[in-house]
Amino acid sequence: MKFVFFSLTGNTKKIAEKLDLFPIEEIKNDLLINDNYILIASSIGFGQVQPEVKSFLKNNSEKMIGVIGSGNRNWGQSYCKAAKTISKEYNVKYFASIELAGTNNQIEECRKNILEFLSNGN
């Protein structure tokens, strides 16, 4: 199991590091993932999925078990929208919406959601 992220600001990487559950891997050109993973995704514009993430998912969606959203509540209805879109499009678990790099409470709640999901045989 891994956390996979793409980050323009560093927040998604910080979330993975704070969760401290699995190794982390950054999305780069032609990255192929052979392990199950949880994607940590932020939005661009008004909630769009980043092009790098779209490209990555074309070749790597079958191992994704879930997604975590990172965003800024100032964007209103677009807050974490890309991650929610990915969850629906790929039919994977949506674990949490985390603001920026996450508060301690958000990180703990997300960790709890992941461990509970995994303990149920997923």
N, C-alpha and C. Protein backbone atom coordinates (compact mmCIF):
# COMPACT_ATOMS: atom_id res chain seq x y z
N MET A 1 0.85 -1.17 0.00
CA MET A 1 0.00 0.00 0.00
C MET A 1 0.89 1.24 0.00
N LYS A 2 0.44 2.27 -0.73
CA LYS A 2 1.17 3.53 -0.82
C LYS A 2 0.20 4.70 -0.81
N PHE A 3 0.75 5.87 -0.53
CA PHE A 3 0.07 7.12 -0.82
C PHE A 3 0.73 7.66 -2.08
N VAL A 4 -0.08 8.09 -3.03
CA VAL A 4 0.42 8.69 -4.26
C VAL A 4 -0.14 10.11 -4.32
N PHE A 5 0.69 11.07 -4.71
CA PHE A 5 0.24 12.47 -4.74
C PHE A 5 0.88 13.22 -5.89
N PHE A 6 0.24 14.31 -6.26
CA PHE A 6 0.84 15.32 -7.14
C PHE A 6 0.59 16.64 -6.44
N SER A 7 1.61 17.47 -6.38
CA SER A 7 1.45 18.70 -5.61
C SER A 7 2.11 19.89 -6.28
N LEU A 8 1.36 20.97 -6.35
CA LEU A 8 1.92 22.24 -6.80
C LEU A 8 2.42 23.06 -5.62
N THR A 9 1.80 22.87 -4.45
CA THR A 9 2.10 23.69 -3.27
C THR A 9 2.80 22.92 -2.14
N GLY A 10 2.82 21.59 -2.22
CA GLY A 10 3.41 20.78 -1.17
C GLY A 10 2.41 20.25 -0.16
N ASN A 11 1.16 20.70 -0.21
CA ASN A 11 0.18 20.29 0.80
C ASN A 11 -0.15 18.80 0.72
N THR A 12 -0.31 18.25 -0.47
CA THR A 12 -0.66 16.83 -0.55
C THR A 12 0.48 15.95 -0.03
N LYS A 13 1.70 16.35 -0.27
CA LYS A 13 2.84 15.60 0.28
C LYS A 13 2.84 15.69 1.81
N LYS A 14 2.56 16.87 2.35
CA LYS A 14 2.53 17.04 3.81
C LYS A 14 1.43 16.18 4.43
N ILE A 15 0.30 16.06 3.74
CA ILE A 15 -0.78 15.21 4.25
C ILE A 15 -0.30 13.77 4.35
N ALA A 16 0.32 13.27 3.28
CA ALA A 16 0.83 11.88 3.29
C ALA A 16 1.84 11.69 4.41
N GLU A 17 2.72 12.65 4.59
CA GLU A 17 3.74 12.53 5.64
C GLU A 17 3.09 12.55 7.03
N LYS A 18 2.10 13.40 7.23
CA LYS A 18 1.43 13.47 8.53
C LYS A 18 0.63 12.20 8.83
N LEU A 19 0.00 11.64 7.80
CA LEU A 19 -0.76 10.40 8.01
C LEU A 19 0.16 9.27 8.44
N ASP A 20 1.37 9.25 7.90
CA ASP A 20 2.44 8.35 8.33
C ASP A 20 1.99 6.89 8.42
N LEU A 21 1.28 6.43 7.38
CA LEU A 21 0.81 5.04 7.35
C LEU A 21 1.54 4.19 6.32
N PHE A 22 1.87 4.79 5.18
CA PHE A 22 2.43 4.04 4.06
C PHE A 22 3.55 4.84 3.41
N PRO A 23 4.37 4.16 2.61
CA PRO A 23 5.36 4.91 1.80
C PRO A 23 4.61 5.87 0.87
N ILE A 24 5.31 6.93 0.48
CA ILE A 24 4.69 7.90 -0.42
C ILE A 24 5.43 7.94 -1.75
N GLU A 25 4.68 8.25 -2.80
CA GLU A 25 5.26 8.32 -4.13
C GLU A 25 4.63 9.51 -4.86
N GLU A 26 5.48 10.33 -5.45
CA GLU A 26 5.01 11.50 -6.18
C GLU A 26 4.75 11.14 -7.64
N ILE A 27 3.66 11.65 -8.17
CA ILE A 27 3.33 11.42 -9.58
C ILE A 27 4.33 12.20 -10.43
N LYS A 28 5.03 11.46 -11.27
CA LYS A 28 5.97 12.03 -12.23
C LYS A 28 5.74 11.35 -13.57
N ASN A 29 6.41 11.81 -14.59
CA ASN A 29 6.22 11.27 -15.93
C ASN A 29 6.30 9.76 -15.96
N ASP A 30 5.31 9.14 -16.57
CA ASP A 30 5.28 7.69 -16.83
C ASP A 30 5.38 6.83 -15.58
N LEU A 31 4.97 7.33 -14.43
CA LEU A 31 4.97 6.54 -13.20
C LEU A 31 3.95 5.41 -13.33
N LEU A 32 4.39 4.18 -13.03
CA LEU A 32 3.49 3.03 -12.99
C LEU A 32 3.50 2.48 -11.58
N ILE A 33 2.31 2.26 -11.01
CA ILE A 33 2.17 1.77 -9.65
C ILE A 33 1.68 0.33 -9.69
N ASN A 34 2.42 -0.56 -9.06
CA ASN A 34 2.05 -1.98 -9.02
C ASN A 34 1.38 -2.38 -7.71
N ASP A 35 1.37 -1.47 -6.73
CA ASP A 35 0.76 -1.74 -5.43
C ASP A 35 -0.58 -1.01 -5.32
N ASN A 36 -1.45 -1.49 -4.45
CA ASN A 36 -2.65 -0.71 -4.14
C ASN A 36 -2.22 0.62 -3.54
N TYR A 37 -3.01 1.64 -3.82
CA TYR A 37 -2.64 2.96 -3.32
C TYR A 37 -3.87 3.82 -3.05
N ILE A 38 -3.62 4.86 -2.26
CA ILE A 38 -4.61 5.91 -2.01
C ILE A 38 -4.04 7.18 -2.61
N LEU A 39 -4.83 7.81 -3.46
CA LEU A 39 -4.44 9.05 -4.12
C LEU A 39 -4.79 10.23 -3.24
N ILE A 40 -3.87 11.18 -3.12
CA ILE A 40 -4.15 12.44 -2.43
C ILE A 40 -4.16 13.50 -3.52
N ALA A 41 -5.33 14.11 -3.73
CA ALA A 41 -5.52 14.99 -4.87
C ALA A 41 -6.01 16.37 -4.47
N SER A 42 -5.47 17.36 -5.11
CA SER A 42 -5.98 18.72 -4.95
C SER A 42 -6.62 19.14 -6.27
N SER A 43 -7.31 20.25 -6.24
CA SER A 43 -8.01 20.76 -7.42
C SER A 43 -7.27 21.94 -8.00
N ILE A 44 -7.56 22.20 -9.27
CA ILE A 44 -7.11 23.44 -9.89
C ILE A 44 -8.35 24.16 -10.41
N GLY A 45 -8.20 25.46 -10.65
CA GLY A 45 -9.33 26.22 -11.18
C GLY A 45 -10.53 26.12 -10.25
N PHE A 46 -11.66 25.76 -10.82
CA PHE A 46 -12.89 25.64 -10.04
C PHE A 46 -13.23 24.19 -9.77
N GLY A 47 -12.22 23.43 -9.31
CA GLY A 47 -12.45 22.05 -8.92
C GLY A 47 -12.06 21.01 -9.96
N GLN A 48 -11.30 21.42 -10.96
CA GLN A 48 -10.88 20.47 -11.99
C GLN A 48 -9.74 19.58 -11.49
N VAL A 49 -9.68 18.39 -12.07
CA VAL A 49 -8.59 17.45 -11.80
C VAL A 49 -7.35 17.95 -12.56
N GLN A 50 -6.22 17.94 -11.89
CA GLN A 50 -4.98 18.39 -12.53
C GLN A 50 -4.63 17.49 -13.71
N PRO A 51 -4.13 18.06 -14.81
CA PRO A 51 -3.79 17.26 -16.00
C PRO A 51 -2.80 16.13 -15.70
N GLU A 52 -1.85 16.37 -14.81
CA GLU A 52 -0.87 15.34 -14.46
C GLU A 52 -1.54 14.15 -13.78
N VAL A 53 -2.55 14.43 -12.97
CA VAL A 53 -3.29 13.37 -12.29
C VAL A 53 -4.15 12.61 -13.29
N LYS A 54 -4.82 13.32 -14.18
CA LYS A 54 -5.61 12.66 -15.23
C LYS A 54 -4.74 11.70 -16.03
N SER A 55 -3.60 12.17 -16.44
CA SER A 55 -2.68 11.35 -17.23
C SER A 55 -2.22 10.12 -16.44
N PHE A 56 -1.87 10.32 -15.18
CA PHE A 56 -1.45 9.22 -14.32
C PHE A 56 -2.54 8.17 -14.19
N LEU A 57 -3.78 8.61 -14.00
CA LEU A 57 -4.89 7.68 -13.78
C LEU A 57 -5.21 6.85 -15.03
N LYS A 58 -4.90 7.35 -16.20
CA LYS A 58 -5.15 6.58 -17.43
C LYS A 58 -4.44 5.24 -17.38
N ASN A 59 -3.27 5.19 -16.75
CA ASN A 59 -2.48 3.96 -16.71
C ASN A 59 -2.41 3.31 -15.33
N ASN A 60 -3.02 3.93 -14.33
CA ASN A 60 -2.83 3.45 -12.96
C ASN A 60 -4.11 3.37 -12.13
N SER A 61 -5.25 3.49 -12.70
CA SER A 61 -6.48 3.55 -11.90
C SER A 61 -6.86 2.22 -11.27
N GLU A 62 -6.43 1.10 -11.85
CA GLU A 62 -6.88 -0.21 -11.36
C GLU A 62 -6.36 -0.54 -9.96
N LYS A 63 -5.31 0.07 -9.51
CA LYS A 63 -4.76 -0.21 -8.18
C LYS A 63 -5.20 0.82 -7.13
N MET A 64 -5.93 1.84 -7.55
CA MET A 64 -6.39 2.87 -6.61
C MET A 64 -7.56 2.33 -5.79
N ILE A 65 -7.44 2.41 -4.47
CA ILE A 65 -8.53 1.95 -3.61
C ILE A 65 -9.33 3.11 -3.02
N GLY A 66 -8.76 4.31 -3.07
CA GLY A 66 -9.45 5.46 -2.50
C GLY A 66 -8.73 6.75 -2.79
N VAL A 67 -9.36 7.84 -2.35
CA VAL A 67 -8.81 9.17 -2.60
C VAL A 67 -9.08 10.07 -1.40
N ILE A 68 -8.14 10.98 -1.18
CA ILE A 68 -8.24 12.01 -0.14
C ILE A 68 -8.18 13.35 -0.85
N GLY A 69 -9.05 14.26 -0.48
CA GLY A 69 -9.04 15.59 -1.09
C GLY A 69 -8.28 16.59 -0.24
N SER A 70 -7.51 17.44 -0.92
CA SER A 70 -6.83 18.55 -0.27
C SER A 70 -7.31 19.82 -0.95
N GLY A 71 -7.69 20.82 -0.16
CA GLY A 71 -8.18 22.05 -0.77
C GLY A 71 -8.26 23.18 0.22
N ASN A 72 -8.89 24.25 -0.23
CA ASN A 72 -9.06 25.44 0.57
C ASN A 72 -10.55 25.75 0.62
N ARG A 73 -11.10 25.85 1.80
CA ARG A 73 -12.54 26.09 1.97
C ARG A 73 -13.00 27.40 1.32
N ASN A 74 -12.07 28.31 1.06
CA ASN A 74 -12.42 29.57 0.40
C ASN A 74 -13.04 29.34 -0.98
N TRP A 75 -12.83 28.16 -1.56
CA TRP A 75 -13.37 27.85 -2.89
C TRP A 75 -14.81 27.36 -2.83
N GLY A 76 -15.42 27.35 -1.65
CA GLY A 76 -16.84 27.01 -1.51
C GLY A 76 -17.16 25.63 -2.05
N GLN A 77 -18.09 25.55 -2.99
CA GLN A 77 -18.54 24.27 -3.53
C GLN A 77 -17.45 23.55 -4.31
N SER A 78 -16.41 24.25 -4.69
CA SER A 78 -15.30 23.62 -5.42
C SER A 78 -14.26 23.00 -4.47
N TYR A 79 -14.47 23.16 -3.15
CA TYR A 79 -13.55 22.63 -2.15
C TYR A 79 -13.41 21.11 -2.31
N CYS A 80 -12.21 20.65 -2.61
CA CYS A 80 -11.88 19.23 -2.78
C CYS A 80 -12.70 18.56 -3.90
N LYS A 81 -13.20 19.34 -4.81
CA LYS A 81 -14.07 18.81 -5.86
C LYS A 81 -13.36 17.81 -6.77
N ALA A 82 -12.09 18.03 -7.08
CA ALA A 82 -11.37 17.10 -7.96
C ALA A 82 -11.32 15.71 -7.35
N ALA A 83 -11.02 15.62 -6.07
CA ALA A 83 -10.94 14.31 -5.40
C ALA A 83 -12.31 13.64 -5.37
N LYS A 84 -13.35 14.42 -5.15
CA LYS A 84 -14.71 13.86 -5.15
C LYS A 84 -15.08 13.36 -6.54
N THR A 85 -14.67 14.09 -7.56
CA THR A 85 -14.91 13.67 -8.94
C THR A 85 -14.19 12.37 -9.25
N ILE A 86 -12.95 12.26 -8.82
CA ILE A 86 -12.16 11.04 -9.03
C ILE A 86 -12.83 9.87 -8.32
N SER A 87 -13.27 10.08 -7.08
CA SER A 87 -13.92 9.02 -6.32
C SER A 87 -15.14 8.47 -7.07
N LYS A 88 -15.96 9.36 -7.59
CA LYS A 88 -17.16 8.94 -8.32
C LYS A 88 -16.80 8.28 -9.65
N GLU A 89 -15.90 8.90 -10.39
CA GLU A 89 -15.55 8.40 -11.73
C GLU A 89 -14.93 7.01 -11.68
N TYR A 90 -14.11 6.76 -10.66
CA TYR A 90 -13.40 5.48 -10.56
C TYR A 90 -14.02 4.54 -9.53
N ASN A 91 -15.10 4.98 -8.91
CA ASN A 91 -15.82 4.15 -7.93
C ASN A 91 -14.91 3.65 -6.82
N VAL A 92 -14.19 4.60 -6.20
CA VAL A 92 -13.31 4.27 -5.08
C VAL A 92 -13.73 5.08 -3.85
N LYS A 93 -13.30 4.64 -2.70
CA LYS A 93 -13.65 5.25 -1.41
C LYS A 93 -13.12 6.69 -1.34
N TYR A 94 -13.97 7.59 -0.84
CA TYR A 94 -13.54 8.96 -0.55
C TYR A 94 -13.29 9.02 0.95
N PHE A 95 -12.03 9.18 1.34
CA PHE A 95 -11.67 9.10 2.75
C PHE A 95 -11.88 10.40 3.52
N ALA A 96 -11.55 11.54 2.93
CA ALA A 96 -11.63 12.78 3.70
C ALA A 96 -11.38 13.99 2.81
N SER A 97 -11.92 15.12 3.27
CA SER A 97 -11.57 16.43 2.73
C SER A 97 -10.67 17.09 3.76
N ILE A 98 -9.50 17.49 3.32
CA ILE A 98 -8.53 18.08 4.25
C ILE A 98 -8.15 19.47 3.75
N GLU A 99 -8.26 20.44 4.65
CA GLU A 99 -7.93 21.81 4.26
C GLU A 99 -6.43 22.02 4.28
N LEU A 100 -5.92 22.47 3.12
CA LEU A 100 -4.50 22.75 2.93
C LEU A 100 -3.68 21.52 3.34
N ALA A 101 -2.79 21.64 4.33
CA ALA A 101 -1.98 20.48 4.76
C ALA A 101 -2.64 19.73 5.91
N GLY A 102 -3.80 20.19 6.37
CA GLY A 102 -4.56 19.46 7.38
C GLY A 102 -4.32 19.87 8.81
N THR A 103 -5.41 19.93 9.56
CA THR A 103 -5.30 20.13 11.00
C THR A 103 -5.04 18.76 11.64
N ASN A 104 -4.64 18.76 12.88
CA ASN A 104 -4.41 17.49 13.58
C ASN A 104 -5.68 16.66 13.61
N ASN A 105 -6.84 17.30 13.85
CA ASN A 105 -8.10 16.57 13.88
C ASN A 105 -8.45 15.98 12.53
N GLN A 106 -8.24 16.73 11.46
CA GLN A 106 -8.51 16.21 10.12
C GLN A 106 -7.62 15.02 9.79
N ILE A 107 -6.36 15.11 10.13
CA ILE A 107 -5.41 14.03 9.86
C ILE A 107 -5.80 12.78 10.66
N GLU A 108 -6.14 12.95 11.93
CA GLU A 108 -6.52 11.80 12.76
C GLU A 108 -7.80 11.15 12.26
N GLU A 109 -8.77 11.95 11.87
CA GLU A 109 -10.03 11.41 11.35
C GLU A 109 -9.79 10.65 10.04
N CYS A 110 -8.96 11.19 9.18
CA CYS A 110 -8.64 10.52 7.92
C CYS A 110 -7.91 9.21 8.18
N ARG A 111 -6.93 9.22 9.08
CA ARG A 111 -6.20 7.99 9.43
C ARG A 111 -7.17 6.93 9.95
N LYS A 112 -8.08 7.34 10.81
CA LYS A 112 -9.08 6.42 11.36
C LYS A 112 -9.94 5.83 10.23
N ASN A 113 -10.38 6.66 9.30
CA ASN A 113 -11.20 6.19 8.17
C ASN A 113 -10.45 5.17 7.32
N ILE A 114 -9.18 5.42 7.08
CA ILE A 114 -8.38 4.50 6.25
C ILE A 114 -8.20 3.17 6.98
N LEU A 115 -7.81 3.22 8.25
CA LEU A 115 -7.57 1.98 8.99
C LEU A 115 -8.85 1.17 9.15
N GLU A 116 -9.96 1.83 9.38
CA GLU A 116 -11.24 1.14 9.49
C GLU A 116 -11.62 0.46 8.16
N PHE A 117 -11.45 1.18 7.06
CA PHE A 117 -11.72 0.65 5.73
C PHE A 117 -10.88 -0.58 5.45
N LEU A 118 -9.59 -0.49 5.76
CA LEU A 118 -8.68 -1.61 5.50
C LEU A 118 -8.97 -2.81 6.42
N SER A 119 -9.37 -2.54 7.67
CA SER A 119 -9.65 -3.62 8.59
C SER A 119 -10.92 -4.39 8.22
N ASN A 120 -11.76 -3.78 7.38
CA ASN A 120 -12.97 -4.45 6.92
C ASN A 120 -12.73 -5.27 5.65
N GLY A 121 -11.46 -5.53 5.36
CA GLY A 121 -11.12 -6.40 4.24
C GLY A 121 -11.07 -5.74 2.88
N ASN A 122 -11.01 -4.45 2.85
CA ASN A 122 -10.94 -3.73 1.57
C ASN A 122 -9.52 -3.52 1.12
